[in-house]
Amino acid sequence: MENEKLELKQTNYAVDNGVATITLSRPERLNAFTPRMMDELLGLFEQVDRDDSVRAVVVTGEGRAFCAGADLSTGGSTFDSEAHGETGGLDAHRDGGGRVTLAIHRCRKPVIAAINGPAVGVGITMTLPMDIRVAAEDAKIGFVFARRGIVPEACSSWFLPRIVGIAKASEWAVTGRVFRAGDEADSGLFNYVLPTDQVLAKATEIAREIADNTSAVSVALARALMWHGLGQASPQEAHLIDSKCIWWAGRGADCREGVEAFLAKRPAEFRMSAWSDLPDFYPWWEEPEV
């Protein structure tokens, strides 16, 4: 889906000097997640990925919430896909939150969550593939699936244990407990826990640091090395792909510029594209067909 073909009704999008801000925009419903919001997010991350003027992305919520989870206004049938007209059955179904998290995971730009308020269900699981999470200290967080009769979604069974460890991830998943970010500031889920009025500014500050100082290609490769390194069996595997990447990058224009700028004590002007200038061995991992 091309984003320009879909009018944005449940999200807002703006770019300021290399930093894109995506705002979930259903404040009257605490930015609850809908199929329409899913489609808009998929389109926006496709656009972000291809736009060389975007160097980092901040995702936040309008009003007092980040995202209160799935919109439950259709009642008990909310999660019954067939009741909402989906055909194809068990093997054909693809979780909407998972489609969004995979789009974020595939993105070549770093993504920063500015969790300005409640983030529950898909409202928190959609942030797990983001690289950095900045949360309001009083934001209510909950992996509440067991309390709704469903299961963790949006690939969170893969992401969450890798971020906070299996013990903490299991505790949150099986209790469905809602907690305040400030009470779990040391869990590893959040990079920063701050007063609400500082959250978006901090997230934007980090995005600005990336946009102003780094090579887009270096960042895209670093992001891929980190995430896909989580599935490697040994450091030897990491060494082999690290070696390919540094051999390739060391011959590139951004590397020459970065070194020369450092020696000349001036800001670097990186010009390589994270969309069109990545090495021909990227991606080096195999994605399963879905």
C-alpha atoms as a PDB file:
ATOM      1  CA  MET A   1       0.000   0.000   0.000  1.00  0.00           C
ATOM      2  CA  GLU A   2       1.289   3.419  -0.934  1.00  0.00           C
ATOM      3  CA  ASN A   3       0.783   5.936   1.863  1.00  0.00           C
ATOM      4  CA  GLU A   4      -0.077   8.786  -0.515  1.00  0.00           C
ATOM      5  CA  LYS A   5      -3.145   6.824  -1.682  1.00  0.00           C
ATOM      6  CA  LEU A   6      -4.561   6.684   1.838  1.00  0.00           C
ATOM      7  CA  GLU A   7      -5.654   9.873   3.567  1.00  0.00           C
ATOM      8  CA  LEU A   8      -4.353   9.994   7.121  1.00  0.00           C
ATOM      9  CA  LYS A   9      -7.319   9.998   9.513  1.00  0.00           C
ATOM     10  CA  GLN A  10      -5.986   8.193  12.582  1.00  0.00           C
ATOM     11  CA  THR A  11      -2.335   9.218  12.443  1.00  0.00           C
ATOM     12  CA  ASN A  12      -0.417  12.411  11.790  1.00  0.00           C
ATOM     13  CA  TYR A  13       2.940  12.681  10.060  1.00  0.00           C
ATOM     14  CA  ALA A  14       5.529  15.454   9.945  1.00  0.00           C
ATOM     15  CA  VAL A  15       9.203  15.742   9.042  1.00  0.00           C
ATOM     16  CA  ASP A  16      11.487  18.376  10.533  1.00  0.00           C
ATOM     17  CA  ASN A  17      15.051  18.517   9.241  1.00  0.00           C
ATOM     18  CA  GLY A  18      15.568  14.775   9.078  1.00  0.00           C
ATOM     19  CA  VAL A  19      13.377  13.732  12.013  1.00  0.00           C
ATOM     20  CA  ALA A  20       9.968  12.224  11.192  1.00  0.00           C
ATOM     21  CA  THR A  21       7.258  12.220  13.847  1.00  0.00           C
ATOM     22  CA  ILE A  22       4.367   9.767  13.585  1.00  0.00           C
ATOM     23  CA  THR A  23       1.533  10.586  15.970  1.00  0.00           C
ATOM     24  CA  LEU A  24      -1.265   8.147  16.747  1.00  0.00           C
ATOM     25  CA  SER A  25      -4.314  10.361  16.498  1.00  0.00           C
ATOM     26  CA  ARG A  26      -7.546   9.117  18.024  1.00  0.00           C
ATOM     27  CA  PRO A  27      -7.302  11.104  21.264  1.00  0.00           C
ATOM     28  CA  GLU A  28     -11.009  10.736  22.025  1.00  0.00           C
ATOM     29  CA  ARG A  29     -10.428   6.936  22.203  1.00  0.00           C
ATOM     30  CA  LEU A  30      -6.983   7.113  23.821  1.00  0.00           C
ATOM     31  CA  ASN A  31      -5.517   6.337  20.383  1.00  0.00           C
ATOM     32  CA  ALA A  32      -6.969   2.815  20.403  1.00  0.00           C
ATOM     33  CA  PHE A  33      -5.674   0.643  17.562  1.00  0.00           C
ATOM     34  CA  THR A  34      -7.940  -0.109  14.591  1.00  0.00           C
ATOM     35  CA  PRO A  35      -7.525  -1.727  11.165  1.00  0.00           C
ATOM     36  CA  ARG A  36      -7.469   1.781   9.701  1.00  0.00           C
ATOM     37  CA  MET A  37      -4.631   2.809  12.014  1.00  0.00           C
ATOM     38  CA  MET A  38      -2.780  -0.365  11.032  1.00  0.00           C
ATOM     39  CA  ASP A  39      -3.065   0.497   7.335  1.00  0.00           C
ATOM     40  CA  GLU A  40      -1.868   4.047   7.922  1.00  0.00           C
ATOM     41  CA  LEU A  41       1.131   2.881   9.961  1.00  0.00           C
ATOM     42  CA  LEU A  42       2.085   0.327   7.316  1.00  0.00           C
ATOM     43  CA  GLY A  43       1.987   3.035   4.673  1.00  0.00           C
ATOM     44  CA  LEU A  44       3.941   5.504   6.788  1.00  0.00           C
ATOM     45  CA  PHE A  45       6.754   3.062   7.546  1.00  0.00           C
ATOM     46  CA  GLU A  46       6.982   2.177   3.870  1.00  0.00           C
ATOM     47  CA  GLN A  47       7.281   5.891   3.104  1.00  0.00           C
ATOM     48  CA  VAL A  48       9.844   6.460   5.871  1.00  0.00           C
ATOM     49  CA  ASP A  49      11.983   3.598   4.625  1.00  0.00           C
ATOM     50  CA  ARG A  50      12.241   5.009   1.101  1.00  0.00           C
ATOM     51  CA  ASP A  51      12.640   8.694   2.029  1.00  0.00           C
ATOM     52  CA  ASP A  52      16.318   9.636   2.245  1.00  0.00           C
ATOM     53  CA  SER A  53      15.390  12.937   3.902  1.00  0.00           C
ATOM     54  CA  VAL A  54      14.229  10.990   6.981  1.00  0.00           C
ATOM     55  CA  ARG A  55      17.071   9.926   9.233  1.00  0.00           C
ATOM     56  CA  ALA A  56      15.197   8.940  12.414  1.00  0.00           C
ATOM     57  CA  VAL A  57      11.577   8.389  13.441  1.00  0.00           C
ATOM     58  CA  VAL A  58       9.713   9.294  16.634  1.00  0.00           C
ATOM     59  CA  VAL A  59       6.353   7.634  17.363  1.00  0.00           C
ATOM     60  CA  THR A  60       4.061   9.166  19.971  1.00  0.00           C
ATOM     61  CA  GLY A  61       0.383   9.596  20.834  1.00  0.00           C
ATOM     62  CA  GLU A  62      -1.909  12.595  20.675  1.00  0.00           C
ATOM     63  CA  GLY A  63      -3.478  13.723  23.922  1.00  0.00           C
ATOM     64  CA  ARG A  64      -2.965  11.959  27.228  1.00  0.00           C
ATOM     65  CA  ALA A  65      -2.353   8.420  25.920  1.00  0.00           C
ATOM     66  CA  PHE A  66       0.151   6.658  23.719  1.00  0.00           C
ATOM     67  CA  CYS A  67      -2.203   3.829  22.725  1.00  0.00           C
ATOM     68  CA  ALA A  68      -4.791   2.133  24.935  1.00  0.00           C
ATOM     69  CA  GLY A  69      -4.624  -1.092  22.923  1.00  0.00           C
ATOM     70  CA  ALA A  70      -7.104  -2.534  20.462  1.00  0.00           C
ATOM     71  CA  ASP A  71     -10.391  -0.699  20.005  1.00  0.00           C
ATOM     72  CA  LEU A  72     -12.898  -2.921  21.852  1.00  0.00           C
ATOM     73  CA  SER A  73     -16.003  -1.043  20.735  1.00  0.00           C
ATOM     74  CA  THR A  74     -17.344  -4.043  18.797  1.00  0.00           C
ATOM     75  CA  GLY A  75     -17.624  -6.000  22.035  1.00  0.00           C
ATOM     76  CA  GLY A  76     -16.979  -9.691  22.550  1.00  0.00           C
ATOM     77  CA  SER A  77     -16.378 -10.336  18.847  1.00  0.00           C
ATOM     78  CA  THR A  78     -13.511  -7.825  18.683  1.00  0.00           C
ATOM     79  CA  PHE A  79     -10.866 -10.481  18.107  1.00  0.00           C
ATOM     80  CA  ASP A  80     -13.062 -12.883  16.091  1.00  0.00           C
ATOM     81  CA  SER A  81     -11.705 -12.350  12.587  1.00  0.00           C
ATOM     82  CA  GLU A  82     -14.377 -14.420  10.869  1.00  0.00           C
ATOM     83  CA  ALA A  83     -17.099 -12.416  12.576  1.00  0.00           C
ATOM     84  CA  HIS A  84     -15.615  -9.342  10.908  1.00  0.00           C
ATOM     85  CA  GLY A  85     -15.647 -10.873   7.445  1.00  0.00           C
ATOM     86  CA  GLU A  86     -12.159 -12.353   7.194  1.00  0.00           C
ATOM     87  CA  THR A  87     -11.952 -15.480   5.056  1.00  0.00           C
ATOM     88  CA  GLY A  88      -9.194 -18.050   4.701  1.00  0.00           C
ATOM     89  CA  GLY A  89      -9.279 -19.470   8.188  1.00  0.00           C
ATOM     90  CA  LEU A  90      -6.558 -20.418  10.621  1.00  0.00           C
ATOM     91  CA  ASP A  91      -3.568 -20.667   8.299  1.00  0.00           C
ATOM     92  CA  ALA A  92      -4.337 -17.501   6.346  1.00  0.00           C
ATOM     93  CA  HIS A  93      -4.847 -15.113   9.270  1.00  0.00           C
ATOM     94  CA  ARG A  94      -2.113 -12.548   9.931  1.00  0.00           C
ATOM     95  CA  ASP A  95      -2.250 -10.542  13.152  1.00  0.00           C
ATOM     96  CA  GLY A  96      -2.569  -6.820  12.424  1.00  0.00           C
ATOM     97  CA  GLY A  97      -0.299  -5.737  15.261  1.00  0.00           C
ATOM     98  CA  GLY A  98       2.289  -8.200  14.003  1.00  0.00           C
ATOM     99  CA  ARG A  99       2.153  -6.699  10.534  1.00  0.00           C
ATOM    100  CA  VAL A 100       2.980  -3.304  12.046  1.00  0.00           C
ATOM    101  CA  THR A 101       5.807  -4.603  14.239  1.00  0.00           C
ATOM    102  CA  LEU A 102       7.355  -6.437  11.284  1.00  0.00           C
ATOM    103  CA  ALA A 103       7.207  -3.228   9.224  1.00  0.00           C
ATOM    104  CA  ILE A 104       9.024  -1.388  12.021  1.00  0.00           C
ATOM    105  CA  HIS A 105      11.522  -4.225  12.387  1.00  0.00           C
ATOM    106  CA  ARG A 106      12.272  -4.107   8.645  1.00  0.00           C
ATOM    107  CA  CYS A 107      12.654  -0.327   8.653  1.00  0.00           C
ATOM    108  CA  ARG A 108      16.158   0.914   7.819  1.00  0.00           C
ATOM    109  CA  LYS A 109      15.761   4.009   9.992  1.00  0.00           C
ATOM    110  CA  PRO A 110      16.015   3.997  13.806  1.00  0.00           C
ATOM    111  CA  VAL A 111      12.649   4.300  15.528  1.00  0.00           C
ATOM    112  CA  ILE A 112      12.118   5.894  18.947  1.00  0.00           C
ATOM    113  CA  ALA A 113       8.942   5.450  21.006  1.00  0.00           C
ATOM    114  CA  ALA A 114       7.839   8.506  22.983  1.00  0.00           C
ATOM    115  CA  ILE A 115       5.384   6.764  25.321  1.00  0.00           C
ATOM    116  CA  ASN A 116       3.597   9.828  26.629  1.00  0.00           C
ATOM    117  CA  GLY A 117       0.808   8.006  28.442  1.00  0.00           C
ATOM    118  CA  PRO A 118      -0.992   4.662  28.758  1.00  0.00           C
ATOM    119  CA  ALA A 119       0.367   1.927  26.478  1.00  0.00           C
ATOM    120  CA  VAL A 120      -1.543  -1.318  26.849  1.00  0.00           C
ATOM    121  CA  GLY A 121      -1.829  -4.434  24.671  1.00  0.00           C
ATOM    122  CA  VAL A 122      -0.803  -3.585  21.135  1.00  0.00           C
ATOM    123  CA  GLY A 123      -0.074  -0.104  22.461  1.00  0.00           C
ATOM    124  CA  ILE A 124       3.049  -1.478  24.138  1.00  0.00           C
ATOM    125  CA  THR A 125       3.830  -4.454  21.897  1.00  0.00           C
ATOM    126  CA  MET A 126       4.088  -2.200  18.832  1.00  0.00           C
ATOM    127  CA  THR A 127       6.973  -0.411  20.564  1.00  0.00           C
ATOM    128  CA  LEU A 128       9.057  -3.554  21.096  1.00  0.00           C
ATOM    129  CA  PRO A 129      10.749  -3.526  17.650  1.00  0.00           C
ATOM    130  CA  MET A 130      11.531   0.163  18.114  1.00  0.00           C
ATOM    131  CA  ASP A 131      15.146   0.818  19.016  1.00  0.00           C
ATOM    132  CA  ILE A 132      14.630   3.168  21.960  1.00  0.00           C
ATOM    133  CA  ARG A 133      11.700   3.651  24.330  1.00  0.00           C
ATOM    134  CA  VAL A 134      11.224   6.845  26.350  1.00  0.00           C
ATOM    135  CA  ALA A 135       8.293   6.560  28.759  1.00  0.00           C
ATOM    136  CA  ALA A 136       6.357   8.841  31.059  1.00  0.00           C
ATOM    137  CA  GLU A 137       6.955   7.718  34.627  1.00  0.00           C
ATOM    138  CA  ASP A 138       3.224   7.530  35.378  1.00  0.00           C
ATOM    139  CA  ALA A 139       2.269   5.853  32.076  1.00  0.00           C
ATOM    140  CA  LYS A 140       0.238   2.698  32.640  1.00  0.00           C
ATOM    141  CA  ILE A 141       1.764  -0.261  30.812  1.00  0.00           C
ATOM    142  CA  GLY A 142       0.188  -3.690  30.427  1.00  0.00           C
ATOM    143  CA  PHE A 143       0.621  -6.899  28.465  1.00  0.00           C
ATOM    144  CA  VAL A 144      -3.006  -7.652  29.309  1.00  0.00           C
ATOM    145  CA  PHE A 145      -3.803 -10.428  26.831  1.00  0.00           C
ATOM    146  CA  ALA A 146      -4.461 -13.180  29.391  1.00  0.00           C
ATOM    147  CA  ARG A 147      -7.060 -10.896  31.000  1.00  0.00           C
ATOM    148  CA  ARG A 148      -8.874 -10.568  27.666  1.00  0.00           C
ATOM    149  CA  GLY A 149      -8.870 -14.280  26.799  1.00  0.00           C
ATOM    150  CA  ILE A 150      -6.293 -13.961  24.014  1.00  0.00           C
ATOM    151  CA  VAL A 151      -2.514 -14.324  23.769  1.00  0.00           C
ATOM    152  CA  PRO A 152       0.497 -12.025  23.316  1.00  0.00           C
ATOM    153  CA  GLU A 153       0.567 -10.745  19.745  1.00  0.00           C
ATOM    154  CA  ALA A 154       2.559  -8.405  17.491  1.00  0.00           C
ATOM    155  CA  CYS A 155       5.554 -10.764  17.645  1.00  0.00           C
ATOM    156  CA  SER A 156       5.912  -9.901  21.344  1.00  0.00           C
ATOM    157  CA  SER A 157       6.669 -13.520  22.260  1.00  0.00           C
ATOM    158  CA  TRP A 158       9.886 -13.025  20.249  1.00  0.00           C
ATOM    159  CA  PHE A 159      10.733  -9.436  21.163  1.00  0.00           C
ATOM    160  CA  LEU A 160       9.819  -9.143  24.832  1.00  0.00           C
ATOM    161  CA  PRO A 161      11.990 -11.971  26.279  1.00  0.00           C
ATOM    162  CA  ARG A 162      14.940 -10.675  24.282  1.00  0.00           C
ATOM    163  CA  ILE A 163      14.488  -7.191  25.741  1.00  0.00           C
ATOM    164  CA  VAL A 164      13.712  -7.916  29.398  1.00  0.00           C
ATOM    165  CA  GLY A 165      14.557 -11.613  29.801  1.00  0.00           C
ATOM    166  CA  ILE A 166      12.266 -14.628  29.921  1.00  0.00           C
ATOM    167  CA  ALA A 167      11.437 -14.402  33.643  1.00  0.00           C
ATOM    168  CA  LYS A 168      10.147 -10.829  33.548  1.00  0.00           C
ATOM    169  CA  ALA A 169       8.437 -11.345  30.176  1.00  0.00           C
ATOM    170  CA  SER A 170       6.635 -14.441  31.460  1.00  0.00           C
ATOM    171  CA  GLU A 171       5.525 -12.671  34.633  1.00  0.00           C
ATOM    172  CA  TRP A 172       3.963  -9.838  32.675  1.00  0.00           C
ATOM    173  CA  ALA A 173       2.373 -12.188  30.125  1.00  0.00           C
ATOM    174  CA  VAL A 174       0.793 -14.648  32.541  1.00  0.00           C
ATOM    175  CA  THR A 175      -0.469 -12.089  35.055  1.00  0.00           C
ATOM    176  CA  GLY A 176      -1.657  -9.503  32.547  1.00  0.00           C
ATOM    177  CA  ARG A 177      -0.764  -6.980  35.227  1.00  0.00           C
ATOM    178  CA  VAL A 178      -0.946  -3.235  34.518  1.00  0.00           C
ATOM    179  CA  PHE A 179       1.963  -1.302  36.019  1.00  0.00           C
ATOM    180  CA  ARG A 180       3.373   2.184  35.901  1.00  0.00           C
ATOM    181  CA  ALA A 181       6.521   2.691  33.853  1.00  0.00           C
ATOM    182  CA  GLY A 182       8.232   4.281  36.844  1.00  0.00           C
ATOM    183  CA  ASP A 183       7.746   1.078  38.856  1.00  0.00           C
ATOM    184  CA  GLU A 184       9.610  -0.946  36.201  1.00  0.00           C
ATOM    185  CA  ALA A 185      12.212   1.646  35.243  1.00  0.00           C
ATOM    186  CA  ASP A 186      15.012  -0.893  35.770  1.00  0.00           C
ATOM    187  CA  SER A 187      13.361  -3.748  33.837  1.00  0.00           C
ATOM    188  CA  GLY A 188      15.197  -3.034  30.597  1.00  0.00           C
ATOM    189  CA  LEU A 189      11.980  -2.211  28.750  1.00  0.00           C
ATOM    190  CA  PHE A 190      12.646   1.530  28.810  1.00  0.00           C
ATOM    191  CA  ASN A 191      15.756   3.510  27.947  1.00  0.00           C
ATOM    192  CA  TYR A 192      14.465   6.545  29.847  1.00  0.00           C
ATOM    193  CA  VAL A 193      11.587   7.076  32.300  1.00  0.00           C
ATOM    194  CA  LEU A 194      10.801  10.753  32.720  1.00  0.00           C
ATOM    195  CA  PRO A 195       8.055  13.182  33.734  1.00  0.00           C
ATOM    196  CA  THR A 196       5.355  13.246  31.064  1.00  0.00           C
ATOM    197  CA  ASP A 197       6.194  16.733  29.818  1.00  0.00           C
ATOM    198  CA  GLN A 198       9.787  15.686  29.052  1.00  0.00           C
ATOM    199  CA  VAL A 199       9.086  12.499  27.075  1.00  0.00           C
ATOM    200  CA  LEU A 200       8.601  13.824  23.545  1.00  0.00           C
ATOM    201  CA  ALA A 201      11.438  16.337  23.921  1.00  0.00           C
ATOM    202  CA  LYS A 202      13.843  13.583  24.999  1.00  0.00           C
ATOM    203  CA  ALA A 203      12.816  11.286  22.161  1.00  0.00           C
ATOM    204  CA  THR A 204      13.220  14.118  19.660  1.00  0.00           C
ATOM    205  CA  GLU A 205      16.599  15.043  21.143  1.00  0.00           C
ATOM    206  CA  ILE A 206      17.853  11.497  20.542  1.00  0.00           C
ATOM    207  CA  ALA A 207      16.444  11.484  17.015  1.00  0.00           C
ATOM    208  CA  ARG A 208      18.131  14.829  16.340  1.00  0.00           C
ATOM    209  CA  GLU A 209      21.461  13.462  17.609  1.00  0.00           C
ATOM    210  CA  ILE A 210      21.179  10.616  15.091  1.00  0.00           C
ATOM    211  CA  ALA A 211      20.068  12.839  12.208  1.00  0.00           C
ATOM    212  CA  ASP A 212      22.806  15.412  12.771  1.00  0.00           C
ATOM    213  CA  ASN A 213      25.806  13.194  13.421  1.00  0.00           C
ATOM    214  CA  THR A 214      25.576   9.779  11.796  1.00  0.00           C
ATOM    215  CA  SER A 215      25.736   8.013   8.454  1.00  0.00           C
ATOM    216  CA  ALA A 216      22.346   6.661   7.358  1.00  0.00           C
ATOM    217  CA  VAL A 217      24.030   3.580   5.912  1.00  0.00           C
ATOM    218  CA  SER A 218      26.035   2.961   9.082  1.00  0.00           C
ATOM    219  CA  VAL A 219      22.888   3.234  11.191  1.00  0.00           C
ATOM    220  CA  ALA A 220      20.891   0.889   8.934  1.00  0.00           C
ATOM    221  CA  LEU A 221      23.627  -1.729   9.039  1.00  0.00           C
ATOM    222  CA  ALA A 222      24.173  -1.341  12.792  1.00  0.00           C
ATOM    223  CA  ARG A 223      20.441  -1.792  13.401  1.00  0.00           C
ATOM    224  CA  ALA A 224      20.399  -4.955  11.287  1.00  0.00           C
ATOM    225  CA  LEU A 225      23.535  -6.350  12.932  1.00  0.00           C
ATOM    226  CA  MET A 226      22.084  -5.852  16.397  1.00  0.00           C
ATOM    227  CA  TRP A 227      18.613  -7.253  15.774  1.00  0.00           C
ATOM    228  CA  HIS A 228      19.618 -10.176  13.602  1.00  0.00           C
ATOM    229  CA  GLY A 229      22.585 -10.940  15.807  1.00  0.00           C
ATOM    230  CA  LEU A 230      20.082 -11.974  18.478  1.00  0.00           C
ATOM    231  CA  GLY A 231      19.390 -15.132  16.504  1.00  0.00           C
ATOM    232  CA  GLN A 232      22.986 -16.117  15.847  1.00  0.00           C
ATOM    233  CA  ALA A 233      24.342 -19.267  17.447  1.00  0.00           C
ATOM    234  CA  SER A 234      27.816 -17.962  18.307  1.00  0.00           C
ATOM    235  CA  PRO A 235      30.025 -14.866  18.241  1.00  0.00           C
ATOM    236  CA  GLN A 236      31.830 -16.476  15.299  1.00  0.00           C
ATOM    237  CA  GLU A 237      28.718 -15.926  13.171  1.00  0.00           C
ATOM    238  CA  ALA A 238      28.663 -12.280  14.275  1.00  0.00           C
ATOM    239  CA  HIS A 239      32.357 -11.969  13.438  1.00  0.00           C
ATOM    240  CA  LEU A 240      31.804 -13.194   9.886  1.00  0.00           C
ATOM    241  CA  ILE A 241      29.024 -10.736   9.076  1.00  0.00           C
ATOM    242  CA  ASP A 242      30.753  -7.900  10.975  1.00  0.00           C
ATOM    243  CA  SER A 243      33.790  -8.517   8.790  1.00  0.00           C
ATOM    244  CA  LYS A 244      31.780  -8.301   5.576  1.00  0.00           C
ATOM    245  CA  CYS A 245      30.066  -5.106   6.675  1.00  0.00           C
ATOM    246  CA  ILE A 246      33.221  -3.317   7.787  1.00  0.00           C
ATOM    247  CA  TRP A 247      35.096  -4.375   4.634  1.00  0.00           C
ATOM    248  CA  TRP A 248      32.282  -2.972   2.519  1.00  0.00           C
ATOM    249  CA  ALA A 249      31.793   0.199   4.589  1.00  0.00           C
ATOM    250  CA  GLY A 250      35.522   0.907   4.764  1.00  0.00           C
ATOM    251  CA  ARG A 251      35.596   1.374   0.989  1.00  0.00           C
ATOM    252  CA  GLY A 252      32.617   3.733   0.941  1.00  0.00           C
ATOM    253  CA  ALA A 253      32.213   7.474   0.599  1.00  0.00           C
ATOM    254  CA  ASP A 254      30.649   7.866   4.048  1.00  0.00           C
ATOM    255  CA  CYS A 255      33.644   6.244   5.716  1.00  0.00           C
ATOM    256  CA  ARG A 256      36.056   8.532   3.899  1.00  0.00           C
ATOM    257  CA  GLU A 257      33.947  11.533   4.843  1.00  0.00           C
ATOM    258  CA  GLY A 258      33.638  10.460   8.474  1.00  0.00           C
ATOM    259  CA  VAL A 259      37.387  10.040   8.923  1.00  0.00           C
ATOM    260  CA  GLU A 260      38.320  13.188   7.018  1.00  0.00           C
ATOM    261  CA  ALA A 261      35.759  15.258   8.953  1.00  0.00           C
ATOM    262  CA  PHE A 262      37.128  13.962  12.257  1.00  0.00           C
ATOM    263  CA  LEU A 263      40.703  14.798  11.280  1.00  0.00           C
ATOM    264  CA  ALA A 264      39.678  18.253  10.073  1.00  0.00           C
ATOM    265  CA  LYS A 265      37.599  18.845  13.212  1.00  0.00           C
ATOM    266  CA  ARG A 266      34.475  19.712  11.210  1.00  0.00           C
ATOM    267  CA  PRO A 267      30.959  18.220  11.035  1.00  0.00           C
ATOM    268  CA  ALA A 268      30.665  15.299   8.629  1.00  0.00           C
ATOM    269  CA  GLU A 269      28.378  15.531   5.612  1.00  0.00           C
ATOM    270  CA  PHE A 270      27.218  11.988   4.972  1.00  0.00           C
ATOM    271  CA  ARG A 271      25.456  11.492   1.630  1.00  0.00           C
ATOM    272  CA  MET A 272      24.952   7.756   1.146  1.00  0.00           C
ATOM    273  CA  SER A 273      21.379   6.426   1.048  1.00  0.00           C
ATOM    274  CA  ALA A 274      20.017   3.777   3.393  1.00  0.00           C
ATOM    275  CA  TRP A 275      17.551   2.827   0.661  1.00  0.00           C
ATOM    276  CA  SER A 276      19.722   2.613  -2.453  1.00  0.00           C
ATOM    277  CA  ASP A 277      23.337   2.356  -1.271  1.00  0.00           C
ATOM    278  CA  LEU A 278      23.376  -0.687   0.999  1.00  0.00           C
ATOM    279  CA  PRO A 279      25.690  -3.596   0.084  1.00  0.00           C
ATOM    280  CA  ASP A 280      24.539  -6.252  -2.355  1.00  0.00           C
ATOM    281  CA  PHE A 281      24.681  -8.870   0.431  1.00  0.00           C
ATOM    282  CA  TYR A 282      22.001  -6.976   2.397  1.00  0.00           C
ATOM    283  CA  PRO A 283      19.848  -8.546   3.696  1.00  0.00           C
ATOM    284  CA  TRP A 284      22.127 -11.412   4.730  1.00  0.00           C
ATOM    285  CA  TRP A 285      19.386 -13.236   6.614  1.00  0.00           C
ATOM    286  CA  GLU A 286      16.488 -15.239   5.211  1.00  0.00           C
ATOM    287  CA  GLU A 287      12.934 -14.202   6.021  1.00  0.00           C
ATOM    288  CA  PRO A 288      10.339 -16.989   6.106  1.00  0.00           C
ATOM    289  CA  GLU A 289       7.581 -16.700   3.540  1.00  0.00           C
ATOM    290  CA  VAL A 290       4.224 -15.748   5.017  1.00  0.00           C
END
